Amino acid sequence: MTSSYVIALGSNRRGRHGRPADEVRAALAAIGGVVMTSPLVSTAPLGPARRRFVNAAALIESDDSPPELLARLKAIESAFGRRRGQRWTDRVIDLDIILWSGGAWASDGLTVPHPDFRRRDFVLGPVAAIVPDWRDPMTGLTMRQLGARLR
């Protein structure tokens, strides 16, 4: 069964595809099933990262279950040169499942909706740009409403 997912993408380090914006575009191609993408936005780093990030969101369609999609996204990150370790450091690519058309999901290593997306404008802004009327299954609020509350 085909599901819709909202994926957040971010990069602040050059990789084999080029600048961070090029890494995000290459990741979109690698993910596949893209229905819509937000504009790329430049955002300040969070935590110990030093370089500005390029962030975006994509609405995709996939036959993968949430854990299957997560495994595929982690494989893409690895293929792009993402190194695991310290959180919030510079990275070639970061791919996160933010929302799923099936509502909420919780299992070892995966929670959908992403637990922190409501507090992160660099995620919520791009998400609201592509799916403003999608509702957060936890709060019932639309992405547009969550964005207005954050700002």
N, C-alpha and C. Protein backbone atom coordinates (compact mmCIF):
# COMPACT_ATOMS: atom_id res chain seq x y z
N MET A 1 0.84 -1.19 0.00
CA MET A 1 0.00 0.00 0.00
C MET A 1 0.89 1.25 0.00
N THR A 2 0.56 2.19 -0.85
CA THR A 2 1.35 3.41 -0.95
C THR A 2 0.96 4.38 0.15
N SER A 3 1.96 4.93 0.79
CA SER A 3 1.79 5.93 1.84
C SER A 3 2.50 7.21 1.42
N SER A 4 2.07 8.31 2.02
CA SER A 4 2.76 9.58 1.85
C SER A 4 3.58 9.87 3.10
N TYR A 5 4.75 10.42 2.89
CA TYR A 5 5.65 10.79 3.97
C TYR A 5 6.16 12.20 3.73
N VAL A 6 6.43 12.91 4.82
CA VAL A 6 7.15 14.17 4.74
C VAL A 6 8.54 13.92 5.32
N ILE A 7 9.55 14.21 4.50
CA ILE A 7 10.94 14.00 4.87
C ILE A 7 11.62 15.36 5.00
N ALA A 8 12.36 15.54 6.10
CA ALA A 8 13.19 16.74 6.27
C ALA A 8 14.60 16.40 5.81
N LEU A 9 15.20 17.34 5.09
CA LEU A 9 16.56 17.17 4.59
C LEU A 9 17.41 18.33 5.05
N GLY A 10 18.66 18.06 5.39
CA GLY A 10 19.58 19.12 5.79
C GLY A 10 21.01 18.74 5.47
N SER A 11 21.81 19.76 5.16
CA SER A 11 23.24 19.57 4.89
C SER A 11 23.98 20.86 5.21
N ASN A 12 25.19 20.73 5.76
CA ASN A 12 26.02 21.92 5.93
C ASN A 12 27.50 21.62 5.65
N ARG A 13 27.73 20.55 4.91
CA ARG A 13 29.10 20.19 4.58
C ARG A 13 29.16 19.69 3.14
N ARG A 14 30.21 20.07 2.44
CA ARG A 14 30.40 19.57 1.08
C ARG A 14 30.54 18.06 1.09
N GLY A 15 30.07 17.45 0.01
CA GLY A 15 30.24 16.02 -0.17
C GLY A 15 30.59 15.76 -1.62
N ARG A 16 30.46 14.54 -2.03
CA ARG A 16 30.85 14.20 -3.41
C ARG A 16 29.93 14.83 -4.44
N HIS A 17 28.75 15.29 -4.04
CA HIS A 17 27.82 15.95 -4.97
C HIS A 17 28.04 17.45 -5.02
N GLY A 18 28.89 17.98 -4.15
CA GLY A 18 29.19 19.41 -4.17
C GLY A 18 28.78 20.12 -2.89
N ARG A 19 28.33 21.35 -3.06
CA ARG A 19 27.93 22.19 -1.93
C ARG A 19 26.73 21.58 -1.20
N PRO A 20 26.43 22.05 0.01
CA PRO A 20 25.27 21.52 0.74
C PRO A 20 23.96 21.52 -0.06
N ALA A 21 23.70 22.57 -0.82
CA ALA A 21 22.47 22.60 -1.62
C ALA A 21 22.47 21.48 -2.66
N ASP A 22 23.65 21.19 -3.22
CA ASP A 22 23.75 20.10 -4.19
C ASP A 22 23.55 18.74 -3.51
N GLU A 23 24.02 18.61 -2.28
CA GLU A 23 23.82 17.37 -1.53
C GLU A 23 22.33 17.13 -1.27
N VAL A 24 21.62 18.19 -0.91
CA VAL A 24 20.17 18.06 -0.67
C VAL A 24 19.46 17.64 -1.96
N ARG A 25 19.80 18.29 -3.08
CA ARG A 25 19.17 17.92 -4.36
C ARG A 25 19.48 16.47 -4.74
N ALA A 26 20.73 16.04 -4.53
CA ALA A 26 21.10 14.66 -4.85
C ALA A 26 20.36 13.68 -3.94
N ALA A 27 20.17 14.04 -2.68
CA ALA A 27 19.44 13.17 -1.76
C ALA A 27 17.98 13.04 -2.20
N LEU A 28 17.38 14.11 -2.67
CA LEU A 28 16.00 14.05 -3.17
C LEU A 28 15.91 13.04 -4.32
N ALA A 29 16.89 13.08 -5.21
CA ALA A 29 16.90 12.13 -6.33
C ALA A 29 17.08 10.70 -5.83
N ALA A 30 17.92 10.52 -4.82
CA ALA A 30 18.18 9.18 -4.29
C ALA A 30 16.96 8.61 -3.57
N ILE A 31 16.20 9.46 -2.89
CA ILE A 31 15.01 9.01 -2.16
C ILE A 31 13.95 8.52 -3.14
N GLY A 32 13.71 9.29 -4.20
CA GLY A 32 12.71 8.92 -5.19
C GLY A 32 11.29 9.10 -4.68
N GLY A 33 10.33 8.98 -5.57
CA GLY A 33 8.93 9.12 -5.21
C GLY A 33 8.52 10.52 -4.79
N VAL A 34 9.34 11.50 -5.14
CA VAL A 34 9.09 12.86 -4.68
C VAL A 34 7.89 13.45 -5.41
N VAL A 35 6.94 13.94 -4.64
CA VAL A 35 5.73 14.57 -5.18
C VAL A 35 5.89 16.09 -5.18
N MET A 36 6.51 16.61 -4.12
CA MET A 36 6.66 18.06 -3.97
C MET A 36 7.83 18.34 -3.04
N THR A 37 8.54 19.44 -3.31
CA THR A 37 9.63 19.86 -2.42
C THR A 37 9.44 21.32 -2.05
N SER A 38 9.91 21.66 -0.87
CA SER A 38 9.91 23.05 -0.42
C SER A 38 11.09 23.76 -1.06
N PRO A 39 11.09 25.08 -1.00
CA PRO A 39 12.32 25.79 -1.37
C PRO A 39 13.44 25.41 -0.40
N LEU A 40 14.67 25.52 -0.86
CA LEU A 40 15.82 25.33 0.02
C LEU A 40 15.97 26.59 0.86
N VAL A 41 16.22 26.41 2.16
CA VAL A 41 16.40 27.56 3.05
C VAL A 41 17.74 27.43 3.76
N SER A 42 18.37 28.57 3.99
CA SER A 42 19.62 28.62 4.73
C SER A 42 19.29 28.94 6.18
N THR A 43 19.84 28.13 7.10
CA THR A 43 19.51 28.30 8.52
C THR A 43 20.77 28.26 9.37
N ALA A 44 20.70 28.89 10.51
CA ALA A 44 21.81 28.90 11.46
C ALA A 44 22.00 27.51 12.04
N PRO A 45 23.24 27.16 12.38
CA PRO A 45 23.49 25.83 12.96
C PRO A 45 22.92 25.73 14.38
N LEU A 46 22.67 24.50 14.77
CA LEU A 46 22.18 24.18 16.11
C LEU A 46 23.28 23.41 16.82
N GLY A 47 23.51 23.66 18.08
CA GLY A 47 24.51 22.91 18.84
C GLY A 47 25.92 23.22 18.38
N PRO A 48 26.82 22.21 18.37
CA PRO A 48 28.23 22.46 18.07
C PRO A 48 28.56 22.64 16.59
N ALA A 49 27.60 22.44 15.69
CA ALA A 49 27.88 22.65 14.27
C ALA A 49 28.30 24.10 14.05
N ARG A 50 29.19 24.32 13.10
CA ARG A 50 29.72 25.67 12.87
C ARG A 50 29.20 26.33 11.60
N ARG A 51 28.85 25.53 10.61
CA ARG A 51 28.45 26.08 9.32
C ARG A 51 26.93 26.17 9.22
N ARG A 52 26.47 27.14 8.42
CA ARG A 52 25.03 27.26 8.17
C ARG A 52 24.54 26.02 7.43
N PHE A 53 23.29 25.70 7.65
CA PHE A 53 22.67 24.55 7.01
C PHE A 53 21.83 24.98 5.81
N VAL A 54 21.67 24.08 4.87
CA VAL A 54 20.66 24.18 3.83
C VAL A 54 19.62 23.13 4.21
N ASN A 55 18.37 23.59 4.39
CA ASN A 55 17.29 22.69 4.79
C ASN A 55 16.17 22.72 3.77
N ALA A 56 15.43 21.62 3.71
CA ALA A 56 14.26 21.52 2.83
C ALA A 56 13.37 20.41 3.37
N ALA A 57 12.18 20.31 2.81
CA ALA A 57 11.26 19.22 3.11
C ALA A 57 10.71 18.69 1.80
N ALA A 58 10.39 17.42 1.80
CA ALA A 58 9.83 16.78 0.61
C ALA A 58 8.64 15.92 1.00
N LEU A 59 7.63 15.96 0.16
CA LEU A 59 6.51 15.04 0.26
C LEU A 59 6.80 13.92 -0.72
N ILE A 60 6.85 12.69 -0.21
CA ILE A 60 7.13 11.55 -1.09
C ILE A 60 6.01 10.52 -0.96
N GLU A 61 5.93 9.66 -1.96
CA GLU A 61 5.05 8.50 -1.90
C GLU A 61 5.93 7.26 -1.95
N SER A 62 5.59 6.29 -1.09
CA SER A 62 6.41 5.08 -1.01
C SER A 62 5.55 3.91 -0.56
N ASP A 63 5.91 2.72 -1.02
CA ASP A 63 5.27 1.50 -0.54
C ASP A 63 5.94 0.98 0.73
N ASP A 64 7.03 1.63 1.16
CA ASP A 64 7.75 1.22 2.36
C ASP A 64 6.93 1.49 3.62
N SER A 65 7.06 0.61 4.60
CA SER A 65 6.54 0.88 5.93
C SER A 65 7.47 1.93 6.57
N PRO A 66 7.06 2.58 7.64
CA PRO A 66 7.98 3.54 8.27
C PRO A 66 9.36 2.96 8.62
N PRO A 67 9.46 1.76 9.22
CA PRO A 67 10.81 1.23 9.49
C PRO A 67 11.61 0.93 8.21
N GLU A 68 10.93 0.47 7.17
CA GLU A 68 11.63 0.21 5.91
C GLU A 68 12.15 1.51 5.30
N LEU A 69 11.33 2.56 5.35
CA LEU A 69 11.77 3.85 4.81
C LEU A 69 12.93 4.40 5.64
N LEU A 70 12.84 4.28 6.95
CA LEU A 70 13.95 4.74 7.80
C LEU A 70 15.24 4.03 7.43
N ALA A 71 15.19 2.72 7.24
CA ALA A 71 16.39 1.97 6.86
C ALA A 71 16.93 2.46 5.52
N ARG A 72 16.05 2.76 4.58
CA ARG A 72 16.49 3.27 3.27
C ARG A 72 17.13 4.65 3.41
N LEU A 73 16.54 5.52 4.24
CA LEU A 73 17.10 6.86 4.44
C LEU A 73 18.47 6.77 5.11
N LYS A 74 18.62 5.89 6.08
CA LYS A 74 19.92 5.72 6.75
C LYS A 74 20.97 5.18 5.77
N ALA A 75 20.56 4.31 4.86
CA ALA A 75 21.48 3.80 3.84
C ALA A 75 21.92 4.92 2.90
N ILE A 76 21.00 5.80 2.55
CA ILE A 76 21.34 6.96 1.70
C ILE A 76 22.32 7.86 2.44
N GLU A 77 22.04 8.15 3.72
CA GLU A 77 22.97 8.99 4.51
C GLU A 77 24.37 8.38 4.50
N SER A 78 24.44 7.08 4.73
CA SER A 78 25.73 6.39 4.76
C SER A 78 26.44 6.47 3.41
N ALA A 79 25.70 6.26 2.33
CA ALA A 79 26.27 6.32 0.99
C ALA A 79 26.78 7.73 0.66
N PHE A 80 26.16 8.74 1.26
CA PHE A 80 26.57 10.13 1.04
C PHE A 80 27.77 10.51 1.92
N GLY A 81 28.17 9.61 2.82
CA GLY A 81 29.32 9.89 3.67
C GLY A 81 28.98 10.38 5.06
N ARG A 82 27.73 10.24 5.46
CA ARG A 82 27.34 10.66 6.81
C ARG A 82 28.01 9.75 7.82
N ARG A 83 28.63 10.37 8.82
CA ARG A 83 29.28 9.61 9.88
C ARG A 83 28.43 9.72 11.14
N ARG A 84 28.20 8.62 11.78
CA ARG A 84 27.44 8.59 13.03
C ARG A 84 28.33 9.06 14.17
N GLY A 85 27.73 9.60 15.19
CA GLY A 85 28.50 10.03 16.35
C GLY A 85 27.79 11.16 17.05
N GLN A 86 28.53 12.22 17.29
CA GLN A 86 28.01 13.34 18.05
C GLN A 86 26.80 13.97 17.36
N ARG A 87 25.80 14.33 18.16
CA ARG A 87 24.60 14.96 17.60
C ARG A 87 24.87 16.42 17.25
N TRP A 88 24.15 16.88 16.24
CA TRP A 88 24.14 18.29 15.85
C TRP A 88 25.48 18.81 15.37
N THR A 89 26.28 17.94 14.78
CA THR A 89 27.55 18.40 14.22
C THR A 89 27.38 18.63 12.72
N ASP A 90 28.45 19.11 12.10
CA ASP A 90 28.43 19.30 10.66
C ASP A 90 28.18 17.95 9.99
N ARG A 91 27.40 17.96 8.90
CA ARG A 91 27.07 16.70 8.23
C ARG A 91 26.83 16.93 6.75
N VAL A 92 27.14 15.90 5.97
CA VAL A 92 26.91 15.95 4.53
C VAL A 92 25.41 15.92 4.26
N ILE A 93 24.68 15.02 4.94
CA ILE A 93 23.23 14.94 4.73
C ILE A 93 22.57 14.39 5.98
N ASP A 94 21.39 14.90 6.25
CA ASP A 94 20.56 14.41 7.35
C ASP A 94 19.16 14.23 6.78
N LEU A 95 18.59 13.05 6.95
CA LEU A 95 17.27 12.74 6.42
C LEU A 95 16.40 12.20 7.55
N ASP A 96 15.28 12.85 7.79
CA ASP A 96 14.39 12.44 8.88
C ASP A 96 12.96 12.31 8.39
N ILE A 97 12.28 11.27 8.85
CA ILE A 97 10.84 11.14 8.61
C ILE A 97 10.14 12.05 9.61
N ILE A 98 9.38 13.01 9.10
CA ILE A 98 8.69 13.96 9.97
C ILE A 98 7.24 13.55 10.17
N LEU A 99 6.54 13.24 9.09
CA LEU A 99 5.13 12.87 9.15
C LEU A 99 4.87 11.70 8.22
N TRP A 100 3.77 11.01 8.48
CA TRP A 100 3.36 9.85 7.70
C TRP A 100 1.85 9.90 7.56
N SER A 101 1.36 9.58 6.37
CA SER A 101 -0.09 9.64 6.13
C SER A 101 -0.86 8.65 7.00
N GLY A 102 -0.16 7.68 7.58
CA GLY A 102 -0.80 6.71 8.46
C GLY A 102 -0.98 7.21 9.89
N GLY A 103 -0.53 8.43 10.18
CA GLY A 103 -0.69 8.99 11.52
C GLY A 103 0.56 8.84 12.34
N ALA A 104 0.43 8.26 13.52
CA ALA A 104 1.56 8.10 14.44
C ALA A 104 2.15 6.70 14.32
N TRP A 105 3.45 6.60 14.60
CA TRP A 105 4.16 5.32 14.61
C TRP A 105 5.19 5.38 15.73
N ALA A 106 5.34 4.33 16.47
CA ALA A 106 6.37 4.25 17.49
C ALA A 106 6.93 2.84 17.54
N SER A 107 8.24 2.75 17.40
CA SER A 107 8.95 1.48 17.52
C SER A 107 10.37 1.81 17.96
N ASP A 108 11.17 0.79 18.24
CA ASP A 108 12.56 1.04 18.62
C ASP A 108 13.25 1.84 17.52
N GLY A 109 13.77 2.99 17.88
CA GLY A 109 14.54 3.79 16.95
C GLY A 109 13.74 4.66 16.00
N LEU A 110 12.42 4.65 16.10
CA LEU A 110 11.61 5.47 15.18
C LEU A 110 10.32 5.94 15.86
N THR A 111 10.13 7.24 15.83
CA THR A 111 8.89 7.85 16.29
C THR A 111 8.41 8.81 15.22
N VAL A 112 7.19 8.62 14.77
CA VAL A 112 6.56 9.50 13.78
C VAL A 112 5.23 9.94 14.37
N PRO A 113 4.93 11.24 14.42
CA PRO A 113 5.76 12.33 13.89
C PRO A 113 7.07 12.49 14.67
N HIS A 114 8.04 13.07 13.98
CA HIS A 114 9.34 13.31 14.61
C HIS A 114 9.11 14.10 15.89
N PRO A 115 9.67 13.65 17.02
CA PRO A 115 9.35 14.27 18.30
C PRO A 115 9.72 15.74 18.44
N ASP A 116 10.71 16.24 17.68
CA ASP A 116 11.17 17.62 17.85
C ASP A 116 10.71 18.59 16.77
N PHE A 117 9.98 18.12 15.77
CA PHE A 117 9.72 18.99 14.62
C PHE A 117 8.90 20.23 14.97
N ARG A 118 8.04 20.14 15.98
CA ARG A 118 7.17 21.28 16.35
C ARG A 118 7.96 22.46 16.91
N ARG A 119 9.19 22.20 17.37
CA ARG A 119 10.01 23.26 18.00
C ARG A 119 11.11 23.77 17.08
N ARG A 120 11.16 23.28 15.86
CA ARG A 120 12.27 23.63 14.96
C ARG A 120 11.75 24.31 13.71
N ASP A 121 11.94 25.61 13.66
CA ASP A 121 11.46 26.38 12.51
C ASP A 121 12.14 25.94 11.22
N PHE A 122 13.41 25.49 11.30
CA PHE A 122 14.12 25.05 10.09
C PHE A 122 13.50 23.78 9.51
N VAL A 123 12.69 23.08 10.29
CA VAL A 123 11.94 21.93 9.79
C VAL A 123 10.50 22.34 9.50
N LEU A 124 9.86 22.98 10.46
CA LEU A 124 8.45 23.32 10.33
C LEU A 124 8.17 24.30 9.19
N GLY A 125 9.06 25.25 8.97
CA GLY A 125 8.87 26.20 7.86
C GLY A 125 8.78 25.51 6.51
N PRO A 126 9.79 24.70 6.15
CA PRO A 126 9.70 23.97 4.88
C PRO A 126 8.53 22.99 4.82
N VAL A 127 8.22 22.32 5.94
CA VAL A 127 7.10 21.38 5.96
C VAL A 127 5.80 22.13 5.69
N ALA A 128 5.60 23.25 6.37
CA ALA A 128 4.37 24.03 6.18
C ALA A 128 4.27 24.58 4.76
N ALA A 129 5.41 24.78 4.10
CA ALA A 129 5.40 25.29 2.73
C ALA A 129 4.82 24.27 1.75
N ILE A 130 4.94 22.97 2.06
CA ILE A 130 4.46 21.96 1.11
C ILE A 130 3.16 21.29 1.54
N VAL A 131 2.93 21.19 2.85
CA VAL A 131 1.69 20.53 3.33
C VAL A 131 1.07 21.37 4.45
N PRO A 132 0.68 22.61 4.16
CA PRO A 132 0.20 23.51 5.22
C PRO A 132 -1.04 23.00 5.96
N ASP A 133 -1.85 22.19 5.30
CA ASP A 133 -3.09 21.73 5.92
C ASP A 133 -3.01 20.33 6.52
N TRP A 134 -1.84 19.68 6.42
CA TRP A 134 -1.69 18.38 7.09
C TRP A 134 -1.79 18.60 8.58
N ARG A 135 -2.44 17.68 9.25
CA ARG A 135 -2.60 17.79 10.70
C ARG A 135 -1.58 16.92 11.42
N ASP A 136 -1.05 17.48 12.48
CA ASP A 136 -0.18 16.74 13.39
C ASP A 136 -1.08 15.74 14.12
N PRO A 137 -0.82 14.44 14.01
CA PRO A 137 -1.71 13.46 14.64
C PRO A 137 -1.70 13.53 16.17
N MET A 138 -0.72 14.20 16.74
CA MET A 138 -0.63 14.28 18.20
C MET A 138 -1.41 15.48 18.75
N THR A 139 -1.36 16.62 18.04
CA THR A 139 -2.01 17.84 18.55
C THR A 139 -3.29 18.18 17.81
N GLY A 140 -3.46 17.63 16.59
CA GLY A 140 -4.61 17.99 15.76
C GLY A 140 -4.44 19.30 15.02
N LEU A 141 -3.35 20.00 15.26
CA LEU A 141 -3.10 21.29 14.61
C LEU A 141 -2.51 21.08 13.22
N THR A 142 -2.81 22.02 12.30
CA THR A 142 -2.22 21.96 10.97
C THR A 142 -0.78 22.46 11.03
N MET A 143 -0.03 22.16 9.99
CA MET A 143 1.35 22.64 9.92
C MET A 143 1.38 24.16 9.93
N ARG A 144 0.41 24.78 9.27
CA ARG A 144 0.33 26.25 9.27
C ARG A 144 0.11 26.77 10.69
N GLN A 145 -0.78 26.13 11.45
CA GLN A 145 -1.04 26.56 12.83
C GLN A 145 0.19 26.35 13.72
N LEU A 146 0.86 25.21 13.56
CA LEU A 146 2.07 24.97 14.34
C LEU A 146 3.14 26.02 14.03
N GLY A 147 3.27 26.37 12.76
CA GLY A 147 4.23 27.39 12.37
C GLY A 147 3.91 28.74 12.97
N ALA A 148 2.63 29.10 12.98
CA ALA A 148 2.22 30.38 13.56
C ALA A 148 2.50 30.39 15.06
N ARG A 149 2.27 29.28 15.73
CA ARG A 149 2.56 29.21 17.17
C ARG A 149 4.04 29.32 17.46
N LEU A 150 4.86 28.75 16.59
CA LEU A 150 6.30 28.77 16.81
C LEU A 150 6.87 30.17 16.66
N ARG A 151 6.32 30.89 15.69
CA ARG A 151 6.83 32.25 15.43
C ARG A 151 6.19 33.25 16.37
